N, C-alpha and C. Protein backbone atom coordinates (compact mmCIF):
# COMPACT_ATOMS: atom_id res chain seq x y z
N MET A 1 -19.33 5.16 -12.24
CA MET A 1 -17.32 4.78 -11.26
C MET A 1 -16.58 4.16 -10.75
N VAL A 2 -16.05 4.35 -11.12
CA VAL A 2 -14.37 3.55 -10.39
C VAL A 2 -14.59 4.16 -8.67
N ARG A 3 -15.05 2.29 -8.02
CA ARG A 3 -15.19 2.39 -6.67
C ARG A 3 -13.43 2.37 -5.27
N ILE A 4 -12.50 2.61 -4.90
CA ILE A 4 -11.47 2.83 -4.26
C ILE A 4 -12.43 2.75 -3.38
N ASP A 5 -12.05 2.45 -2.18
CA ASP A 5 -12.43 1.92 -0.50
C ASP A 5 -10.99 2.22 -0.31
N VAL A 6 -11.38 2.62 1.50
CA VAL A 6 -9.58 2.72 1.54
C VAL A 6 -9.96 2.08 2.95
N VAL A 7 -10.16 0.62 3.81
CA VAL A 7 -10.12 0.59 5.05
C VAL A 7 -8.98 0.72 6.21
N ASP A 8 -9.74 1.63 7.17
CA ASP A 8 -8.99 2.36 8.21
C ASP A 8 -7.85 1.20 9.35
N LEU A 9 -7.30 1.57 8.77
CA LEU A 9 -6.07 0.18 10.13
C LEU A 9 -5.63 1.42 11.38
N HIS A 10 -5.90 2.75 11.57
CA HIS A 10 -5.41 3.77 13.09
C HIS A 10 -5.41 4.19 12.34
N GLY A 11 -4.77 4.54 11.29
CA GLY A 11 -3.55 5.89 10.70
C GLY A 11 -3.32 6.46 10.86
N GLN A 12 -2.39 7.71 11.19
CA GLN A 12 -3.02 9.06 11.30
C GLN A 12 -2.96 9.89 9.74
N PHE A 13 -2.87 10.01 8.50
CA PHE A 13 -3.14 9.66 7.15
C PHE A 13 -4.01 8.89 6.39
N THR A 14 -4.78 8.20 7.09
CA THR A 14 -5.99 7.74 6.78
C THR A 14 -6.32 8.50 5.97
N HIS A 15 -7.23 9.88 6.33
CA HIS A 15 -8.22 10.23 5.72
C HIS A 15 -7.71 11.40 4.56
N LEU A 16 -6.54 11.25 4.27
CA LEU A 16 -5.69 11.94 3.05
C LEU A 16 -6.00 10.48 2.46
N GLU A 17 -5.40 9.29 2.06
CA GLU A 17 -5.37 8.21 1.22
C GLU A 17 -7.53 8.25 0.44
N ARG A 18 -8.01 8.76 1.40
CA ARG A 18 -9.56 9.02 1.21
C ARG A 18 -9.16 9.76 0.38
N ARG A 19 -9.20 11.13 0.92
CA ARG A 19 -9.23 11.92 -0.10
C ARG A 19 -8.69 12.39 -1.38
N ALA A 20 -7.34 11.90 -1.74
CA ALA A 20 -6.53 11.91 -2.07
C ALA A 20 -7.22 10.84 -3.63
N PHE A 21 -7.63 9.84 -3.04
CA PHE A 21 -8.29 9.90 -4.46
C PHE A 21 -9.57 10.05 -5.26
N ARG A 22 -10.46 10.50 -3.37
CA ARG A 22 -11.52 11.54 -4.28
C ARG A 22 -11.10 12.55 -5.48
N ASP A 23 -9.35 13.47 -5.07
CA ASP A 23 -9.68 13.89 -5.34
C ASP A 23 -9.21 13.84 -7.06
N LEU A 24 -8.91 12.80 -7.23
CA LEU A 24 -8.49 12.12 -8.39
C LEU A 24 -9.88 11.80 -9.46
N GLY A 25 -10.66 11.88 -8.92
CA GLY A 25 -11.92 11.61 -9.29
C GLY A 25 -12.61 10.21 -9.10
N TYR A 26 -11.75 9.85 -8.21
CA TYR A 26 -12.97 8.15 -7.84
C TYR A 26 -13.87 8.72 -6.61
N GLU A 27 -14.76 7.83 -6.46
CA GLU A 27 -15.23 7.18 -5.67
C GLU A 27 -14.68 6.48 -4.22
N SER A 28 -14.45 7.36 -2.95
CA SER A 28 -13.54 6.97 -2.11
C SER A 28 -13.86 7.29 -0.52
N ASP A 29 -14.43 5.46 -0.18
CA ASP A 29 -14.63 6.03 1.18
C ASP A 29 -13.94 5.16 1.99
N LEU A 30 -13.64 6.21 3.63
CA LEU A 30 -14.14 5.14 4.45
C LEU A 30 -14.18 4.42 5.51
N ILE A 31 -13.76 2.84 5.65
CA ILE A 31 -14.93 1.65 5.51
C ILE A 31 -13.14 0.93 7.06
N SER A 32 -14.98 0.80 7.50
CA SER A 32 -13.96 -0.35 8.97
C SER A 32 -13.36 -1.39 9.32
N ASN A 33 -12.19 -2.23 9.57
CA ASN A 33 -11.31 -2.40 9.55
C ASN A 33 -12.48 -4.05 9.50
N GLU A 34 -13.59 -3.84 10.30
CA GLU A 34 -14.87 -4.43 11.22
C GLU A 34 -14.78 -5.21 9.39
N THR A 35 -15.34 -4.35 8.90
CA THR A 35 -16.61 -4.91 8.02
C THR A 35 -16.77 -6.35 7.11
N PRO A 36 -17.84 -6.76 7.40
CA PRO A 36 -17.60 -8.33 6.55
C PRO A 36 -16.91 -8.58 5.39
N PRO A 37 -16.38 -9.24 4.44
CA PRO A 37 -15.86 -9.12 3.13
C PRO A 37 -17.16 -8.75 2.57
N ALA A 38 -17.88 -9.56 2.65
CA ALA A 38 -19.74 -9.45 1.99
C ALA A 38 -20.35 -8.08 1.54
N ALA A 39 -20.09 -7.42 2.72
CA ALA A 39 -20.71 -5.64 1.94
C ALA A 39 -19.56 -4.75 1.83
N ILE A 40 -18.41 -5.59 1.47
CA ILE A 40 -18.30 -4.90 -0.01
C ILE A 40 -18.18 -4.47 -0.95
N GLU A 41 -18.29 -3.17 -1.41
CA GLU A 41 -18.65 -2.95 -3.27
C GLU A 41 -17.89 -2.40 -4.17
N ALA A 42 -17.54 -2.51 -3.72
CA ALA A 42 -16.26 -1.55 -3.81
C ALA A 42 -15.15 -2.09 -5.29
N ASP A 43 -14.97 -1.75 -6.16
CA ASP A 43 -13.28 -2.33 -7.58
C ASP A 43 -12.19 -2.21 -6.77
N GLY A 44 -12.06 -1.43 -6.18
CA GLY A 44 -10.68 -1.53 -4.99
C GLY A 44 -10.68 -1.30 -3.66
N LEU A 45 -9.80 -2.12 -3.20
CA LEU A 45 -8.70 -1.56 -2.23
C LEU A 45 -7.93 -0.94 -1.60
N VAL A 46 -7.81 -0.28 -0.71
CA VAL A 46 -6.71 0.26 -0.24
C VAL A 46 -6.70 -0.38 1.37
N LEU A 47 -5.63 -0.80 2.09
CA LEU A 47 -5.28 -0.95 3.26
C LEU A 47 -4.18 0.02 3.56
N SER A 48 -4.86 1.12 4.73
CA SER A 48 -4.62 1.71 5.56
C SER A 48 -3.05 1.75 6.73
N GLY A 49 -2.05 2.90 6.31
CA GLY A 49 -1.23 2.78 7.61
C GLY A 49 -1.62 2.83 8.95
N GLY A 50 -0.74 1.79 9.43
CA GLY A 50 -1.82 2.46 11.76
C GLY A 50 -0.19 1.41 12.04
N PRO A 51 -1.15 2.05 13.34
CA PRO A 51 -0.06 1.92 14.38
C PRO A 51 0.96 0.70 14.48
N ASP A 52 -0.56 -1.00 13.91
CA ASP A 52 -0.20 -1.72 15.69
C ASP A 52 -0.76 -3.25 14.19
N ILE A 53 0.32 -3.96 13.59
CA ILE A 53 0.00 -5.05 13.14
C ILE A 53 -1.46 -6.15 13.79
N GLY A 54 -1.75 -5.90 14.94
CA GLY A 54 -2.16 -6.99 16.00
C GLY A 54 -3.57 -6.42 15.68
N GLU A 55 -4.31 -5.23 15.60
CA GLU A 55 -5.17 -4.58 15.84
C GLU A 55 -5.64 -4.44 13.48
N ILE A 56 -5.17 -5.18 13.23
CA ILE A 56 -5.62 -4.83 11.43
C ILE A 56 -7.46 -5.19 11.16
N GLY A 57 -7.32 -5.77 12.68
CA GLY A 57 -9.00 -6.38 12.01
C GLY A 57 -9.36 -7.37 11.06
N ARG A 58 -9.88 -7.18 9.95
CA ARG A 58 -10.87 -8.40 8.74
C ARG A 58 -9.42 -8.23 8.09
N ALA A 59 -8.41 -6.93 8.01
CA ALA A 59 -7.67 -7.67 6.58
C ALA A 59 -7.17 -8.12 6.14
N GLY A 60 -7.30 -9.21 6.31
CA GLY A 60 -6.63 -10.23 5.66
C GLY A 60 -8.02 -11.05 4.49
N ASP A 61 -9.51 -11.12 5.71
CA ASP A 61 -10.31 -11.49 4.66
C ASP A 61 -10.46 -10.59 2.94
N TYR A 62 -9.81 -9.11 3.53
CA TYR A 62 -10.08 -8.73 2.22
C TYR A 62 -9.45 -9.43 0.72
N LEU A 63 -8.07 -9.96 1.31
CA LEU A 63 -7.84 -10.66 0.11
C LEU A 63 -8.11 -11.46 -0.56
N ASP A 64 -9.57 -11.93 -0.45
CA ASP A 64 -10.18 -12.92 -0.89
C ASP A 64 -10.87 -12.70 -2.00
N LEU A 65 -11.26 -11.61 -2.22
CA LEU A 65 -12.66 -11.15 -2.69
C LEU A 65 -11.85 -10.64 -4.15
N GLU A 66 -10.69 -11.20 -4.36
CA GLU A 66 -10.47 -10.94 -6.09
C GLU A 66 -10.50 -9.66 -6.54
N ILE A 67 -9.97 -8.48 -5.59
CA ILE A 67 -9.74 -7.52 -6.34
C ILE A 67 -8.84 -6.39 -6.46
N PRO A 68 -8.37 -5.04 -6.78
CA PRO A 68 -6.87 -4.65 -6.63
C PRO A 68 -7.58 -4.51 -5.19
N VAL A 69 -5.53 -4.24 -4.62
CA VAL A 69 -5.72 -4.14 -3.63
C VAL A 69 -3.79 -3.28 -3.40
N LEU A 70 -3.97 -2.56 -2.72
CA LEU A 70 -2.74 -1.81 -2.02
C LEU A 70 -2.86 -1.53 -0.69
N GLY A 71 -2.03 -1.89 0.00
CA GLY A 71 -1.25 -1.51 1.35
C GLY A 71 -0.01 -0.82 0.55
N ILE A 72 -0.33 -0.47 1.93
CA ILE A 72 -0.43 1.32 2.35
C ILE A 72 1.01 1.34 3.86
N CYS A 73 2.01 2.07 4.10
CA CYS A 73 3.30 1.05 5.06
C CYS A 73 2.88 0.33 5.74
N LEU A 74 1.54 0.57 6.79
CA LEU A 74 0.96 -0.72 7.70
C LEU A 74 0.58 -2.36 6.71
N GLY A 75 -0.67 -1.21 6.34
CA GLY A 75 -1.53 -2.10 5.19
C GLY A 75 -0.18 -3.74 4.08
N MET A 76 0.48 -2.93 4.09
CA MET A 76 1.36 -3.66 3.01
C MET A 76 1.94 -4.51 3.85
N GLN A 77 2.44 -4.44 5.09
CA GLN A 77 3.17 -5.61 5.71
C GLN A 77 1.75 -6.34 6.86
N ALA A 78 0.25 -5.95 6.97
CA ALA A 78 -0.59 -7.13 7.08
C ALA A 78 -0.53 -7.80 6.29
N MET A 79 -0.82 -6.79 4.65
CA MET A 79 -0.87 -8.30 3.75
C MET A 79 0.84 -9.07 3.95
N ALA A 80 1.35 -8.24 3.91
CA ALA A 80 2.24 -9.61 3.43
C ALA A 80 2.71 -10.72 5.28
N SER A 81 2.60 -10.41 5.83
CA SER A 81 1.93 -11.73 6.83
C SER A 81 0.94 -12.21 6.82
N GLU A 82 -0.28 -11.60 6.01
CA GLU A 82 -1.37 -12.50 6.07
C GLU A 82 -0.60 -13.97 4.51
N LEU A 83 0.08 -13.35 3.38
CA LEU A 83 0.25 -13.85 1.93
C LEU A 83 1.38 -15.03 2.69
N GLY A 84 1.47 -14.68 4.23
CA GLY A 84 3.46 -15.71 4.51
C GLY A 84 4.56 -15.35 4.11
N GLY A 85 4.39 -13.40 3.75
CA GLY A 85 6.07 -13.10 3.75
C GLY A 85 6.01 -12.68 5.33
N THR A 86 6.92 -12.55 5.47
CA THR A 86 7.60 -12.13 6.70
C THR A 86 7.65 -9.83 7.20
N VAL A 87 7.64 -9.71 8.32
CA VAL A 87 7.06 -8.76 9.08
C VAL A 87 8.70 -7.86 10.04
N GLY A 88 8.66 -7.48 10.84
CA GLY A 88 9.88 -7.48 11.48
C GLY A 88 10.05 -5.78 11.28
N PRO A 89 10.32 -5.74 12.88
CA PRO A 89 11.60 -4.64 12.87
C PRO A 89 11.85 -3.91 12.00
N GLY A 90 12.45 -2.56 11.58
CA GLY A 90 13.33 -1.93 10.55
C GLY A 90 14.17 -1.25 11.54
N ASP A 91 15.45 -1.23 11.23
CA ASP A 91 16.56 -0.09 11.81
C ASP A 91 16.64 1.09 11.67
N TYR A 92 15.70 1.19 10.64
CA TYR A 92 15.89 3.06 10.50
C TYR A 92 14.86 4.21 11.50
N GLY A 93 13.87 3.64 11.45
CA GLY A 93 12.61 3.29 12.47
C GLY A 93 11.68 4.89 11.92
N GLY A 94 11.87 5.87 12.23
CA GLY A 94 10.82 6.80 12.82
C GLY A 94 10.87 7.19 11.00
N TYR A 95 9.66 8.56 11.10
CA TYR A 95 9.44 8.46 9.63
C TYR A 95 10.56 10.03 9.24
N ALA A 96 10.78 9.90 7.61
CA ALA A 96 11.71 10.90 7.15
C ALA A 96 11.69 10.67 5.42
N ASP A 97 12.40 11.15 4.96
CA ASP A 97 12.29 11.34 3.56
C ASP A 97 13.66 10.04 3.16
N VAL A 98 13.69 9.78 2.46
CA VAL A 98 13.60 8.74 2.02
C VAL A 98 14.30 8.60 0.06
N ASP A 99 14.96 8.17 -0.69
CA ASP A 99 15.18 8.28 -1.74
C ASP A 99 15.37 6.25 -1.75
N VAL A 100 14.47 6.42 -3.15
CA VAL A 100 14.15 4.90 -3.27
C VAL A 100 14.23 4.72 -5.07
N GLU A 101 15.02 3.39 -5.01
CA GLU A 101 15.17 2.91 -6.07
C GLU A 101 14.08 2.87 -7.57
N ILE A 102 13.70 2.98 -8.03
CA ILE A 102 12.55 1.39 -8.46
C ILE A 102 13.45 0.45 -9.64
N LEU A 103 12.95 -0.88 -9.50
CA LEU A 103 13.81 -2.00 -9.68
C LEU A 103 12.96 -2.06 -11.35
N ASP A 104 11.55 -1.87 -10.97
CA ASP A 104 11.03 -2.95 -11.88
C ASP A 104 9.90 -1.65 -12.99
N ALA A 105 10.70 -0.70 -14.50
CA ALA A 105 9.86 -0.51 -14.87
C ALA A 105 8.62 -0.57 -16.07
N ASP A 106 8.42 -1.84 -15.29
CA ASP A 106 7.16 -2.05 -16.44
C ASP A 106 6.41 -2.69 -14.68
N ASP A 107 5.98 -2.10 -14.11
CA ASP A 107 5.32 -2.82 -13.18
C ASP A 107 4.49 -1.40 -13.01
N PRO A 108 2.53 -1.77 -13.40
CA PRO A 108 1.83 -0.74 -13.54
C PRO A 108 1.72 -0.12 -12.59
N VAL A 109 2.51 -0.08 -11.25
CA VAL A 109 2.10 0.51 -10.60
C VAL A 109 3.20 1.10 -10.16
N PHE A 110 4.61 1.28 -9.61
CA PHE A 110 5.46 1.25 -9.34
C PHE A 110 5.91 1.32 -10.25
N GLY A 111 6.37 1.10 -11.82
CA GLY A 111 7.40 1.33 -12.91
C GLY A 111 7.40 2.82 -13.46
N PRO A 112 5.99 3.40 -13.23
CA PRO A 112 5.86 5.46 -14.47
C PRO A 112 7.16 6.04 -13.16
N LEU A 113 7.66 5.79 -12.34
CA LEU A 113 7.88 6.55 -10.99
C LEU A 113 10.11 5.94 -11.40
N TYR A 114 10.24 5.23 -12.86
CA TYR A 114 11.65 4.50 -12.67
C TYR A 114 12.07 6.08 -12.83
N PRO A 115 13.47 5.83 -12.50
CA PRO A 115 13.97 5.29 -12.18
C PRO A 115 14.27 5.40 -10.82
N GLU A 116 13.69 6.30 -9.22
CA GLU A 116 13.74 6.90 -8.98
C GLU A 116 13.15 8.04 -8.16
N THR A 117 12.50 8.13 -7.17
CA THR A 117 12.10 8.71 -6.55
C THR A 117 12.33 9.25 -4.76
N GLN A 118 11.72 9.88 -4.57
CA GLN A 118 11.85 10.73 -3.47
C GLN A 118 10.39 10.50 -2.35
N VAL A 119 10.64 9.82 -1.13
CA VAL A 119 9.35 9.43 -0.63
C VAL A 119 9.64 9.53 1.42
N TRP A 120 8.57 10.11 0.92
CA TRP A 120 7.98 9.95 3.09
C TRP A 120 8.58 8.87 2.91
N ALA A 121 8.36 8.11 4.00
CA ALA A 121 8.11 6.96 4.30
C ALA A 121 8.79 6.61 6.21
N SER A 122 7.46 4.97 7.00
CA SER A 122 8.54 4.67 8.33
C SER A 122 8.87 3.98 8.44
N HIS A 123 10.23 3.50 8.90
CA HIS A 123 10.39 2.38 9.18
C HIS A 123 10.03 1.61 9.60
N ALA A 124 9.25 1.92 11.58
CA ALA A 124 10.06 1.29 13.17
C ALA A 124 9.60 -0.92 12.42
N ASP A 125 8.73 -0.58 11.34
CA ASP A 125 8.22 -1.53 10.93
C ASP A 125 8.45 -2.31 9.28
N GLU A 126 9.28 -2.99 8.42
CA GLU A 126 8.75 -3.45 7.72
C GLU A 126 9.18 -5.30 7.29
N VAL A 127 7.80 -5.17 6.01
CA VAL A 127 8.53 -6.56 4.99
C VAL A 127 10.02 -7.34 5.22
N LYS A 128 10.39 -8.17 5.56
CA LYS A 128 11.77 -8.62 5.48
C LYS A 128 11.71 -9.20 5.01
N ARG A 129 10.71 -10.89 4.43
CA ARG A 129 10.55 -11.49 3.15
C ARG A 129 8.56 -11.42 2.45
N VAL A 130 8.83 -11.25 1.04
CA VAL A 130 7.88 -10.87 0.33
C VAL A 130 7.15 -12.21 0.07
N PRO A 131 6.30 -12.10 0.39
CA PRO A 131 5.05 -13.40 -0.35
C PRO A 131 4.93 -14.20 -1.56
N GLU A 132 5.51 -15.35 -1.31
CA GLU A 132 5.16 -15.80 -2.66
C GLU A 132 3.47 -15.34 -3.59
N GLY A 133 5.10 -15.64 -5.13
CA GLY A 133 4.38 -13.99 -6.16
C GLY A 133 4.76 -13.66 -5.43
N PHE A 134 5.21 -12.61 -5.20
CA PHE A 134 5.54 -10.92 -4.68
C PHE A 134 6.71 -10.90 -5.48
N ALA A 135 7.21 -10.04 -6.19
CA ALA A 135 8.07 -9.72 -6.28
C ALA A 135 8.53 -8.39 -6.09
N ILE A 136 10.27 -7.88 -5.33
CA ILE A 136 10.47 -6.36 -4.95
C ILE A 136 10.56 -5.59 -5.94
N THR A 137 9.66 -5.03 -5.79
CA THR A 137 9.70 -3.69 -7.05
C THR A 137 10.19 -2.50 -6.19
N ALA A 138 10.18 -2.26 -5.46
CA ALA A 138 11.83 -1.00 -5.06
C ALA A 138 12.33 -0.93 -4.18
N ARG A 139 12.94 -0.68 -3.29
CA ARG A 139 13.93 -0.89 -2.11
C ARG A 139 15.28 0.52 -1.69
N SER A 140 15.32 0.86 -0.62
CA SER A 140 16.34 2.01 -0.57
C SER A 140 17.20 1.63 0.33
N ASP A 141 18.42 2.09 0.38
CA ASP A 141 19.47 2.46 1.53
C ASP A 141 18.60 1.91 3.33
N VAL A 142 17.54 2.22 3.32
CA VAL A 142 16.88 2.04 5.25
C VAL A 142 16.60 0.82 4.63
N CYS A 143 15.60 0.79 3.69
CA CYS A 143 15.17 -0.53 3.76
C CYS A 143 15.55 -1.50 1.66
N GLU A 144 15.29 -2.47 2.53
CA GLU A 144 15.52 -3.90 0.36
C GLU A 144 13.35 -3.62 0.37
N ILE A 145 13.06 -3.94 1.17
CA ILE A 145 11.70 -4.10 0.60
C ILE A 145 10.87 -2.63 0.71
N GLU A 146 10.52 -1.73 -0.17
CA GLU A 146 9.73 -0.59 0.54
C GLU A 146 8.90 -0.45 -0.59
N ALA A 147 8.57 -0.91 -1.67
CA ALA A 147 7.37 -2.35 -2.46
C ALA A 147 7.30 -3.92 -3.08
N MET A 148 5.92 -3.79 -3.60
CA MET A 148 6.05 -5.61 -3.69
C MET A 148 4.89 -5.26 -4.71
N SER A 149 5.00 -6.18 -4.84
CA SER A 149 3.69 -6.42 -6.42
C SER A 149 3.38 -7.61 -6.59
N ASP A 150 2.54 -8.29 -6.75
CA ASP A 150 1.65 -9.54 -7.08
C ASP A 150 0.73 -9.36 -8.84
N THR A 151 1.23 -9.10 -9.84
CA THR A 151 0.46 -8.98 -10.83
C THR A 151 -0.55 -9.89 -11.07
N ASP A 152 -0.07 -10.91 -10.99
CA ASP A 152 -1.46 -11.84 -11.52
C ASP A 152 -2.69 -11.31 -10.54
N ARG A 153 -2.70 -10.90 -8.75
CA ARG A 153 -3.42 -11.31 -8.41
C ARG A 153 -3.81 -9.86 -8.47
N ASP A 154 -3.31 -8.57 -9.00
CA ASP A 154 -3.10 -7.04 -8.88
C ASP A 154 -2.77 -6.63 -7.39
N PHE A 155 -2.09 -7.11 -6.51
CA PHE A 155 -1.66 -7.33 -4.95
C PHE A 155 -0.36 -6.23 -5.44
N TYR A 156 -0.24 -5.08 -4.14
CA TYR A 156 0.79 -3.76 -4.25
C TYR A 156 0.91 -3.55 -2.94
N GLY A 157 2.18 -3.27 -2.64
CA GLY A 157 2.42 -2.88 -1.46
C GLY A 157 3.50 -1.52 -1.17
N VAL A 158 3.22 -0.59 -0.79
CA VAL A 158 4.60 -0.17 -0.68
C VAL A 158 4.03 0.46 1.26
N GLN A 159 5.94 1.37 1.18
CA GLN A 159 5.98 1.10 2.52
C GLN A 159 6.24 2.41 3.02
N TRP A 160 5.64 3.81 1.98
CA TRP A 160 5.83 5.12 2.01
C TRP A 160 4.27 5.26 2.31
N HIS A 161 4.09 6.70 1.86
CA HIS A 161 3.16 7.11 2.26
C HIS A 161 2.26 7.65 0.78
N PRO A 162 2.46 7.92 0.25
CA PRO A 162 2.03 8.34 -1.71
C PRO A 162 0.95 9.28 -1.25
N GLU A 163 0.22 9.15 -0.10
CA GLU A 163 -0.31 10.14 0.22
C GLU A 163 -0.13 11.93 1.20
N VAL A 164 0.72 12.08 0.70
CA VAL A 164 1.33 12.53 1.82
C VAL A 164 1.77 13.41 0.48
N ALA A 165 1.74 15.34 1.19
CA ALA A 165 2.72 15.84 0.64
C ALA A 165 3.90 15.85 0.55
N HIS A 166 4.83 14.97 1.42
CA HIS A 166 6.91 14.91 1.51
C HIS A 166 6.71 14.05 0.44
N THR A 167 5.84 13.26 0.33
CA THR A 167 6.03 11.90 -1.00
C THR A 167 5.51 13.17 -2.49
N ALA A 168 7.32 13.47 -3.33
CA ALA A 168 7.37 13.68 -4.07
C ALA A 168 6.74 13.78 -5.25
N GLU A 169 6.05 12.32 -5.69
CA GLU A 169 5.24 11.46 -6.88
C GLU A 169 4.60 10.45 -6.32
N GLY A 170 3.85 10.86 -5.18
CA GLY A 170 3.09 9.67 -4.84
C GLY A 170 1.88 9.51 -5.48
N GLU A 171 1.04 10.76 -6.42
CA GLU A 171 0.07 10.48 -6.77
C GLU A 171 -0.23 9.80 -7.90
N VAL A 172 1.43 9.96 -8.50
CA VAL A 172 1.43 8.59 -10.03
C VAL A 172 1.52 6.84 -9.09
N VAL A 173 1.50 6.65 -8.00
CA VAL A 173 1.69 5.40 -7.52
C VAL A 173 -0.39 5.32 -7.32
N LEU A 174 -0.32 6.20 -6.85
CA LEU A 174 -2.39 6.04 -6.66
C LEU A 174 -3.01 6.17 -8.23
N GLU A 175 -2.61 6.78 -9.26
CA GLU A 175 -3.02 6.71 -9.91
C GLU A 175 -2.74 5.70 -10.78
N GLY A 176 -1.77 5.10 -10.83
CA GLY A 176 -1.32 3.29 -11.31
C GLY A 176 -2.13 2.00 -9.73
N PHE A 177 -2.58 2.46 -8.63
CA PHE A 177 -3.81 1.54 -8.97
C PHE A 177 -4.88 1.53 -9.20
N ALA A 178 -4.96 2.71 -9.28
CA ALA A 178 -6.42 3.60 -9.33
C ALA A 178 -7.29 2.43 -11.19
N SER A 179 -5.76 3.07 -11.88
CA SER A 179 -6.27 1.94 -13.37
C SER A 179 -6.21 0.51 -13.38
N ARG A 180 -6.12 0.14 -11.78
CA ARG A 180 -5.73 -1.87 -12.18
C ARG A 180 -6.91 -1.26 -11.67
N CYS A 181 -7.58 -0.88 -10.64
CA CYS A 181 -9.36 -0.70 -10.56
C CYS A 181 -10.29 -0.60 -11.90
N GLU A 182 -9.71 -0.09 -13.04
CA GLU A 182 -11.08 0.87 -13.73
C GLU A 182 -11.14 -0.97 -14.70
């Protein structure tokens, strides 16, 4: 069975991320962000949301495991920062419903949502510049980089929270990512 573990970056929805993958029929556990990379035996990893980029632990080390990685909110920001992108404060701030435009109908994770979807997102911090190799795959009036993808490395990042009920089609994102882990 495919295993997708969730790296705990101390977000308030982290347990929902694990549960969402279990509900989709995948093995999934929460793992500490201090877990040695050699101890990880997953087919894919989720870098969870969380409150503080200064507390991402070994998240950057997990990007060398050569398995698919999905960064959610802080997880996306950690991925971008670790790979040479830029992260900074958002202009919008806290949680809200956001209408998101999907830019690439062929993207394996975000493409099925084309042309748009409604999401639940926080924009206290956000990716300001994607790392080399990434394409911007979604944007909104609130944020120019709502999602990013590097399909060559199977790295995906999303500013919004696909695991919460307020996000209209969140399971589509999680299923798309899970298909990359199979």
